[in-house]
Protein backbone atom coordinates (compact mmCIF):
# COMPACT_ATOMS: atom_id res chain seq x y z
CA MET A 1 -0.21 0.25 0.00
CA THR A 2 1.69 3.13 -1.40
CA GLU A 3 1.96 5.65 1.63
CA LEU A 4 0.01 8.91 1.16
CA THR A 5 2.30 12.25 0.71
CA GLN A 6 2.10 14.43 3.89
CA ILE A 7 2.47 18.44 3.11
CA LEU A 8 3.70 20.51 6.07
CA PHE A 9 2.39 23.99 6.05
CA ARG A 10 4.97 26.41 8.14
CA ASN A 11 5.61 29.81 9.67
CA ALA A 12 1.59 30.31 9.38
CA ALA A 13 -0.56 32.12 11.70
CA VAL A 14 -3.59 30.23 11.51
CA LEU A 15 -6.84 31.50 11.26
CA ASP A 16 -9.60 30.28 14.13
CA PRO A 17 -12.66 31.62 13.36
CA GLU A 18 -14.96 30.21 16.39
CA GLN A 19 -12.82 32.53 18.43
CA GLY A 20 -11.62 35.19 15.88
CA GLU A 21 -8.31 34.78 16.53
CA LEU A 22 -5.01 34.57 14.61
CA VAL A 23 -2.37 32.51 16.08
CA PRO A 24 0.88 33.18 15.35
CA ASP A 25 4.05 30.60 14.25
CA ARG A 26 1.96 27.64 13.56
CA SER A 27 2.49 24.55 11.58
CA VAL A 28 -0.05 22.37 10.15
CA LEU A 29 0.62 18.23 8.57
CA VAL A 30 -1.94 17.39 5.72
CA GLN A 31 -1.80 13.67 4.58
CA GLY A 32 -4.56 12.72 2.03
CA ASP A 33 -7.25 14.99 2.28
CA ARG A 34 -7.72 15.57 6.08
CA ILE A 35 -5.31 17.60 8.27
CA VAL A 36 -3.34 15.44 10.84
CA GLU A 37 -1.84 17.62 13.52
CA VAL A 38 -1.51 21.45 14.25
CA GLY A 39 1.13 22.31 16.11
CA GLY A 40 3.87 24.71 16.48
CA PRO A 41 7.39 24.89 14.91
CA GLU A 42 8.58 21.62 16.27
CA LEU A 43 6.00 19.26 13.68
CA ARG A 44 7.75 17.69 11.44
CA GLY A 45 6.11 14.92 10.10
CA SER A 46 7.46 11.73 8.05
CA ASP A 47 9.54 13.53 5.07
CA PRO A 48 6.91 15.83 4.25
CA ILE A 49 6.62 18.70 1.12
CA VAL A 50 7.29 21.82 3.14
CA ILE A 51 5.33 24.68 2.05
CA ASP A 52 6.59 27.96 4.28
CA VAL A 53 3.80 30.49 4.50
CA ARG A 54 6.51 33.31 5.89
CA GLY A 55 3.99 34.60 8.52
CA ARG A 56 0.98 34.58 5.79
CA THR A 57 -2.72 33.76 7.29
CA LEU A 58 -3.55 30.02 6.90
CA MET A 59 -7.53 29.48 7.27
CA PRO A 60 -10.23 26.80 6.49
CA GLY A 61 -11.98 27.36 2.91
CA LEU A 62 -14.93 29.21 2.48
CA ILE A 63 -18.69 27.76 2.62
CA ASP A 64 -21.32 29.28 0.43
CA GLY A 65 -24.55 27.87 1.91
CA HIS A 66 -26.72 29.08 -0.60
CA VAL A 67 -25.79 28.89 -4.38
CA HIS A 68 -26.99 27.12 -7.21
CA VAL A 69 -24.87 25.52 -9.89
CA THR A 70 -26.22 24.68 -12.53
CA ALA A 71 -28.37 28.44 -12.73
CA VAL A 72 -26.21 29.27 -15.60
CA THR A 73 -28.71 31.31 -16.49
CA ALA A 74 -31.33 34.17 -14.88
CA ASP A 75 -34.46 32.73 -17.34
CA LEU A 76 -34.79 29.60 -15.14
CA ALA A 77 -38.31 28.50 -16.89
CA ALA A 78 -35.90 28.92 -20.28
CA LEU A 79 -32.98 26.45 -18.11
CA ALA A 80 -35.26 23.65 -17.51
CA GLU A 81 -35.88 23.44 -21.51
CA TRP A 82 -32.19 22.90 -22.12
CA SER A 83 -30.20 19.70 -22.63
CA PRO A 84 -28.73 18.40 -19.53
CA ALA A 85 -25.47 17.91 -21.41
CA TYR A 86 -25.19 21.76 -22.06
CA VAL A 87 -26.02 22.67 -18.44
CA THR A 88 -23.20 20.62 -16.58
CA ALA A 89 -20.92 21.87 -19.31
CA ARG A 90 -21.68 25.53 -18.46
CA ALA A 91 -21.78 24.49 -14.92
CA ALA A 92 -18.43 23.47 -14.89
CA ALA A 93 -17.18 26.95 -15.26
CA VAL A 94 -19.41 28.24 -12.54
CA LEU A 95 -18.42 25.17 -10.18
CA ALA A 96 -14.52 26.26 -11.32
CA GLY A 97 -15.00 29.74 -10.50
CA MET A 98 -16.03 28.94 -7.14
CA LEU A 99 -12.98 27.17 -6.09
CA HIS A 100 -10.92 29.50 -7.46
CA ARG A 101 -12.19 31.81 -5.50
CA GLY A 102 -11.53 30.34 -2.07
CA PHE A 103 -14.88 28.29 -1.63
CA THR A 104 -14.16 24.79 -1.17
CA THR A 105 -17.69 23.63 0.00
CA VAL A 106 -21.07 25.12 -1.43
CA ARG A 107 -24.96 23.78 -0.64
CA ASP A 108 -26.85 23.84 -3.62
CA ALA A 109 -30.44 25.25 -2.80
CA GLY A 110 -31.90 23.63 -6.22
CA GLY A 111 -31.07 21.99 -9.34
CA ALA A 112 -27.85 19.78 -8.72
CA ASP A 113 -27.90 16.50 -7.98
CA TYR A 114 -25.90 13.33 -7.49
CA GLY A 115 -24.46 13.18 -10.63
CA LEU A 116 -22.69 16.53 -10.61
CA ALA A 117 -21.38 15.86 -7.09
CA ALA A 118 -19.77 12.21 -7.97
CA ALA A 119 -18.38 13.97 -10.96
CA ILE A 120 -16.63 16.67 -9.14
CA ASN A 121 -15.66 13.75 -5.83
CA GLU A 122 -14.21 11.72 -8.93
CA GLY A 123 -12.34 13.92 -10.32
CA TYR A 124 -14.46 14.61 -13.81
CA LEU A 125 -15.21 17.95 -12.84
CA ASP A 126 -12.85 20.93 -11.08
CA GLY A 127 -14.84 21.74 -8.11
CA PRO A 128 -15.69 22.77 -4.32
CA ARG A 129 -17.32 19.59 -2.28
CA LEU A 130 -21.30 19.93 -3.03
CA ILE A 131 -24.16 19.29 -0.65
CA PHE A 132 -27.23 19.45 -2.99
CA GLY A 133 -30.73 18.97 -2.22
CA GLY A 134 -32.01 18.05 -5.67
CA LYS A 135 -35.17 19.91 -6.80
CA ALA A 136 -37.15 22.26 -4.46
CA LEU A 137 -40.73 21.35 -3.83
CA SER A 138 -43.31 24.37 -4.88
CA GLN A 139 -46.84 24.30 -4.66
CA THR A 140 -48.76 24.72 -7.79
CA GLY A 141 -48.28 28.64 -8.91
CA GLY A 142 -45.58 29.05 -5.98
CA HIS A 143 -41.60 29.82 -6.66
CA GLY A 144 -40.94 27.14 -8.09
CA ASP A 145 -43.77 27.13 -10.61
CA LEU A 146 -42.23 28.35 -13.64
CA ARG A 147 -44.66 27.68 -15.78
CA SER A 148 -45.94 30.99 -17.79
CA ARG A 149 -49.61 32.30 -17.23
CA GLY A 150 -50.70 30.32 -20.34
CA ARG A 151 -48.77 27.15 -20.04
CA GLU A 152 -50.68 23.78 -18.01
CA ASP A 153 -47.89 20.88 -18.51
CA ALA A 154 -45.51 20.68 -15.50
CA GLY A 155 -42.75 19.44 -17.76
CA THR A 156 -40.69 17.98 -15.31
CA TYR A 157 -38.13 15.46 -15.43
CA PRO A 158 -36.38 13.69 -12.64
CA CYS A 159 -32.93 14.30 -14.88
CA GLY A 160 -33.66 17.62 -16.42
CA PRO A 161 -31.94 21.09 -15.65
CA GLY A 162 -34.97 22.09 -13.99
CA ILE A 163 -34.68 23.56 -10.28
CA SER A 164 -37.83 22.54 -8.75
CA VAL A 165 -40.93 19.60 -8.92
CA VAL A 166 -44.61 20.78 -8.28
CA CYS A 167 -46.46 19.05 -5.91
CA ASP A 168 -49.71 19.68 -4.02
CA GLY A 169 -51.51 17.96 -1.02
CA VAL A 170 -49.81 15.96 1.65
CA PRO A 171 -49.77 12.70 -0.10
CA GLU A 172 -47.50 14.20 -3.21
CA VAL A 173 -45.25 16.33 -0.98
CA ARG A 174 -44.37 12.79 0.79
CA ARG A 175 -43.59 11.08 -2.36
CA VAL A 176 -41.54 13.95 -3.84
CA ALA A 177 -39.78 14.68 -0.85
CA ARG A 178 -39.70 10.91 -0.79
CA GLU A 179 -38.08 11.00 -4.19
CA GLN A 180 -35.26 13.71 -3.40
CA VAL A 181 -34.34 11.33 -0.54
CA ARG A 182 -33.56 8.62 -2.94
CA ARG A 183 -31.60 10.04 -5.45
CA GLY A 184 -29.41 11.31 -2.49
CA ALA A 185 -30.47 14.72 -1.18
CA HIS A 186 -28.28 15.83 2.18
CA HIS A 187 -31.41 18.27 2.32
CA LEU A 188 -34.53 19.36 1.54
CA LYS A 189 -35.91 22.79 -0.09
CA VAL A 190 -39.21 23.96 0.08
CA MET A 191 -40.67 27.60 -1.56
CA LEU A 192 -42.69 28.66 1.61
CA SER A 193 -43.12 32.25 -0.51
CA GLY A 194 -42.96 33.79 -3.52
CA GLY A 195 -40.30 34.72 -5.30
CA ILE A 196 -37.78 36.99 -7.69
CA ALA A 197 -37.55 34.23 -10.62
CA SER A 198 -41.14 32.92 -10.73
CA PRO A 199 -43.28 34.80 -13.36
CA THR A 200 -47.13 34.27 -11.42
CA ASP A 201 -46.59 34.32 -8.05
CA ARG A 202 -46.37 37.52 -5.26
CA ILE A 203 -43.29 37.97 -3.13
CA ASP A 204 -45.55 38.16 0.15
CA SER A 205 -48.08 35.30 -0.97
CA ILE A 206 -47.35 32.60 1.63
CA GLN A 207 -47.06 29.12 -0.05
CA PHE A 208 -48.19 25.47 1.35
CA SER A 209 -50.17 24.60 4.08
CA ALA A 210 -48.92 23.54 7.44
CA GLU A 211 -50.19 19.78 7.20
CA GLU A 212 -48.12 20.02 3.88
CA ILE A 213 -44.92 21.32 5.43
CA ARG A 214 -44.89 19.25 8.09
CA ALA A 215 -45.29 16.56 6.24
CA ILE A 216 -41.95 17.48 4.10
CA VAL A 217 -40.30 18.17 7.30
CA GLU A 218 -41.00 14.97 8.90
CA GLU A 219 -40.08 12.97 5.85
CA ALA A 220 -36.84 14.90 5.85
CA GLN A 221 -36.45 13.88 9.84
CA SER A 222 -36.93 10.45 8.69
CA ALA A 223 -33.83 10.14 6.49
CA ASN A 224 -32.04 12.43 9.12
CA ILE A 225 -31.60 15.34 6.27
CA TYR A 226 -33.30 18.44 7.50
CA VAL A 227 -35.52 21.29 5.45
CA CYS A 228 -34.21 24.69 4.35
CA GLY A 229 -37.56 27.26 3.24
CA HIS A 230 -37.35 30.01 0.74
CA ALA A 231 -39.33 32.83 2.36
CA TYR A 232 -39.31 36.96 2.90
CA THR A 233 -41.91 37.42 4.78
CA SER A 234 -42.63 37.24 8.24
CA PRO A 235 -45.62 34.88 8.29
CA ALA A 236 -44.37 33.02 5.49
CA ILE A 237 -41.04 32.45 7.91
CA ASN A 238 -43.12 31.79 10.74
CA ARG A 239 -45.36 29.23 9.47
CA GLY A 240 -42.18 27.02 8.04
CA LEU A 241 -39.93 27.52 11.25
CA ALA A 242 -43.19 26.32 13.21
CA ALA A 243 -43.33 23.16 11.21
CA GLY A 244 -39.88 22.43 12.22
CA VAL A 245 -37.72 24.09 8.79
CA ARG A 246 -34.14 24.34 9.91
CA SER A 247 -32.78 27.14 7.82
CA ILE A 248 -34.20 30.47 6.52
CA GLU A 249 -33.17 31.73 2.87
CA HIS A 250 -33.40 34.85 1.97
CA GLY A 251 -35.92 36.46 4.78
CA ASN A 252 -35.76 40.09 2.95
CA SER A 253 -38.69 41.11 5.22
CA MET A 254 -38.62 39.92 8.01
CA ASP A 255 -39.99 41.96 11.27
CA GLU A 256 -39.21 41.32 15.41
CA SER A 257 -42.10 38.35 15.39
CA SER A 258 -39.87 35.76 13.88
CA ILE A 259 -36.70 36.04 16.62
CA PRO A 260 -38.34 34.18 19.13
CA LEU A 261 -39.37 31.19 16.62
CA PHE A 262 -35.97 31.20 15.70
CA LYS A 263 -34.19 31.13 18.64
CA GLU A 264 -36.93 28.43 19.88
CA LYS A 265 -36.29 25.99 17.23
CA ALA A 266 -32.58 26.66 17.12
CA ALA A 267 -32.82 27.29 13.35
CA PHE A 268 -30.51 29.39 10.98
CA TYR A 269 -30.44 32.36 9.30
CA VAL A 270 -28.91 32.49 5.23
CA PRO A 271 -29.42 35.48 3.90
CA THR A 272 -28.45 35.86 0.08
CA LEU A 273 -27.92 40.26 -0.08
CA THR A 274 -25.25 39.93 -3.56
CA THR A 275 -28.28 38.51 -5.82
CA TYR A 276 -30.61 41.66 -5.42
CA ALA A 277 -27.65 44.00 -5.66
CA VAL A 278 -26.50 42.13 -8.63
CA LEU A 279 -29.77 41.64 -10.39
CA ALA A 280 -30.48 45.25 -10.14
CA THR A 281 -27.42 46.08 -12.65
CA GLU A 282 -26.50 42.91 -14.67
CA GLY A 283 -30.37 41.00 -14.17
CA ARG A 284 -31.80 41.84 -17.86
CA ALA A 285 -28.46 41.06 -19.55
CA ASN A 286 -28.36 38.02 -17.85
CA GLY A 287 -31.54 36.68 -18.91
CA LEU A 288 -34.11 37.48 -15.98
CA PRO A 289 -37.51 38.04 -17.23
CA GLU A 290 -39.11 41.54 -17.06
CA GLU A 291 -41.92 40.27 -14.82
CA SER A 292 -38.90 39.21 -12.41
CA TYR A 293 -37.12 42.01 -12.87
CA GLY A 294 -39.84 43.97 -11.77
CA LYS A 295 -39.64 42.36 -8.26
CA VAL A 296 -35.93 43.28 -7.77
CA ALA A 297 -36.65 47.17 -7.02
CA GLY A 298 -36.00 47.60 -2.43
CA VAL A 299 -35.63 43.97 -1.86
CA LEU A 300 -31.41 45.02 -1.08
CA GLU A 301 -32.35 47.54 1.50
CA ALA A 302 -35.48 45.85 3.19
CA GLY A 303 -32.64 42.77 3.27
CA MET A 304 -30.09 44.84 5.33
CA HIS A 305 -32.76 45.45 7.79
CA ALA A 306 -33.56 41.76 8.09
CA LEU A 307 -29.80 41.19 8.35
CA GLU A 308 -29.31 43.78 11.40
CA LEU A 309 -32.32 42.41 12.91
CA ALA A 310 -30.95 39.16 12.77
CA HIS A 311 -27.40 39.96 13.40
CA ARG A 312 -28.49 41.82 17.01
CA ALA A 313 -30.64 39.35 17.99
CA GLY A 314 -27.61 36.70 18.21
CA LEU A 315 -29.40 34.20 15.61
CA PRO A 316 -26.92 32.18 13.70
CA ILE A 317 -26.22 33.80 10.31
CA VAL A 318 -24.77 31.68 7.77
CA TYR A 319 -23.19 32.90 3.99
CA GLY A 320 -25.24 32.39 0.86
CA THR A 321 -25.11 34.28 -2.15
CA ASP A 322 -27.99 32.75 -4.51
CA LEU A 323 -26.62 34.06 -7.55
CA LEU A 324 -27.64 32.96 -11.40
CA GLY A 325 -25.77 33.61 -14.40
CA GLY A 326 -23.18 35.47 -15.28
CA MET A 327 -23.52 37.03 -11.97
CA HIS A 328 -21.42 34.30 -9.97
CA GLU A 329 -18.54 35.90 -10.51
CA HIS A 330 -19.40 38.78 -8.39
CA GLN A 331 -19.94 35.62 -5.28
CA LEU A 332 -17.30 38.01 -2.81
CA LEU A 333 -18.94 40.60 -2.83
CA GLU A 334 -21.29 39.52 -0.20
CA PHE A 335 -18.65 39.87 2.38
CA ARG A 336 -18.53 43.51 1.57
CA LEU A 337 -22.13 44.03 1.72
CA ARG A 338 -22.42 42.09 5.02
CA ALA A 339 -19.31 44.34 6.54
CA GLU A 340 -21.98 47.17 6.70
CA VAL A 341 -24.00 45.45 9.27
CA GLN A 342 -21.81 42.53 10.76
CA PRO A 343 -17.81 42.87 12.13
CA PRO A 344 -15.39 40.96 9.91
CA ALA A 345 -15.14 38.07 12.94
CA ASP A 346 -18.98 37.39 12.36
CA ILE A 347 -19.00 37.18 8.82
CA LEU A 348 -15.85 34.82 8.90
CA ARG A 349 -17.62 32.35 11.28
CA ALA A 350 -20.97 32.63 8.62
CA ALA A 351 -18.41 30.94 6.13
CA THR A 352 -16.79 28.79 8.09
CA THR A 353 -17.98 27.20 11.61
CA GLN A 354 -21.66 28.55 11.32
CA ALA A 355 -21.83 27.10 7.67
CA ALA A 356 -20.72 23.98 8.75
CA ARG A 357 -23.13 23.66 11.77
CA LEU A 358 -25.77 23.89 9.23
CA LEU A 359 -24.34 20.97 6.85
CA GLN A 360 -24.30 18.77 9.86
CA MET A 361 -20.27 18.71 8.75
CA GLU A 362 -19.10 20.22 12.05
CA GLY A 363 -15.29 19.81 12.53
CA ALA A 364 -15.16 18.08 9.25
CA ILE A 365 -14.93 21.74 7.44
CA GLY A 366 -14.42 25.02 8.09
CA VAL A 367 -12.05 24.52 10.61
CA VAL A 368 -8.31 24.35 10.96
CA ALA A 369 -7.55 20.72 12.90
CA PRO A 370 -7.08 17.50 13.28
CA GLN A 371 -9.24 15.00 11.18
CA ALA A 372 -10.97 18.07 9.26
CA TYR A 373 -10.88 18.10 5.93
CA ALA A 374 -7.65 20.02 4.07
CA ASP A 375 -9.91 22.64 2.65
CA LEU A 376 -7.09 25.15 3.26
CA LEU A 377 -6.46 28.78 2.16
CA VAL A 378 -3.55 31.25 2.30
CA VAL A 379 -4.05 35.10 2.23
CA ASP A 380 -2.22 37.69 2.11
CA GLY A 381 -3.19 40.44 5.51
CA ASP A 382 -5.79 39.77 8.46
CA PRO A 383 -9.21 39.16 7.25
CA LEU A 384 -10.64 39.90 11.32
CA CYS A 385 -9.23 43.40 10.61
CA ASP A 386 -9.96 43.42 6.76
CA ILE A 387 -12.95 41.81 5.21
CA GLY A 388 -12.09 42.93 2.14
CA ILE A 389 -8.85 40.63 1.77
CA LEU A 390 -11.10 37.76 0.58
CA THR A 391 -12.93 40.08 -1.92
CA ASP A 392 -9.52 39.91 -4.21
CA PRO A 393 -8.51 36.99 -4.92
CA ASP A 394 -6.20 37.42 -7.90
CA ARG A 395 -3.98 39.75 -5.69
CA LYS A 396 -4.66 38.34 -2.09
CA LEU A 397 -5.37 34.82 -2.18
CA LYS A 398 -2.09 33.08 -2.56
CA LEU A 399 -2.84 29.15 -2.02
CA ILE A 400 -5.97 27.07 -2.44
CA MET A 401 -5.92 23.91 -0.97
CA SER A 402 -9.33 21.76 -1.83
CA ARG A 403 -9.05 18.22 0.08
CA GLY A 404 -5.77 18.12 0.18
CA ARG A 405 -4.72 18.88 -3.51
CA ILE A 406 -3.46 22.09 -4.36
CA VAL A 407 -5.07 23.91 -6.60
CA LYS A 408 -3.63 27.23 -6.48
CA ASN A 409 0.13 28.08 -5.26
CA ASP A 410 1.08 31.61 -6.07
CA LEU A 411 3.45 31.71 -2.76
CA GLN A 412 6.50 31.07 -4.64
C-alpha cells in the first residue's frame, strides 16, 4: 500500500474563526485529504513536502450556504428546457470559478444532483465539495412553478435541468420528498413564499399549508436530513419555522415576530444580499425576465434591515449568495455588503464554522484542526481586520487546497 504524501505548512498565522483570532507561528500537517496535526515550529511529519507560508494567514476554505450551480442563466424557465449535457458543461465553469474564489464547500439550494456531485468527487469536474438537495419543492403557482400563465403541462423530469418540482397535498409532497431522498439529497428545499425568479406569484404570498410543510419536514427527519425554506416575509418564515424548517433562506422582509421562533427552534438564517444588488444592475443582461426584474426594487434595502435585526438578536447566520447566470462572479461581494452591518469575525464564522453546523459537518469543514478535511486557504493580510482581503482573490489569495489537493499556489 502506497504511503500518502504529507504536506507541512510552516510559519503560518492560523485563523481560528470560532474564537475570532489569529494564532501565529503555527505548523499544519496534511496527509491525503485530511489535516493530521496542528502544532508549533517543532512539528515535523514523515518526510513531508514543506510549504513556507512566511507569516501569512492560513485559514479554512470558505463555505457558501446558498448557491445554484446549475443556474447558468437567470431565465430559470428557459433553463428547464435546455439539454442537461449543455447545462452541465456550463455549470463546470461556475464550479471552477467558485473554487478559485476560495470556496471549498457549497450547499446547492435547488438544481444540482448526485451526478454532478459524483463528477466532482471523482475528479471529472473541478469544483468545491457539493452538498445538494436535488429539486426544490413548490406548490402549484409557487416560487418553483416556472410555467407561464398560459401553460398547463408542468414538464418536470427527474434528470432535467429544472431547479424545482411542483407538488400539492400531503400525499404528493411526501412522495416528492421521498424521491429527492432516494436520489441522495443532503437536505430538502421547500418554497415557503413567493420570489423574484418565478413568473406568476407575489413575493409576499405564503405558500404550502402547515400540514404540507410538516409532512416534508417529517420525511426529511425520517431520513436524518433537514429542510431549508425559501421565504421573504415573517408570516411565511414563521409558518416554516413552526413546522420544523431548519434554515430560512433570504428572509428580506423579516420582522421582530420571527426572532423568538428562530431561537426556540435553534434555526439558521441564510441571507443572500449579493443576488439582489447584482440583479438590479445585471439581471436583464443575464436573462432575467421582465416580470421578475420588476420585483427586485427595494428588496436589497429590506435585506440589510433583516440582517441587522438577526445580527442584533444573535441568530446563527450563514453565508449565502444565490447568484444566477454570469452573475456568479460576484460571489465575494457578500463579504462587503455584510460588513456594513457585521464585524469581520462574525462574517468569517458565517462562511466557516456556522455554515459547517448548518450542513451538519461541524469539525469536518470550516476549521483548521486535526481530522478536518484539508480545505485550506493562504491569504495576504488579516481578514479579521479587513474582510475586504477575501474579495480580491487575484492579488490576496495565494494558495488554495481542496481536500488535500493544491489547486492554486502563488507563494513562490
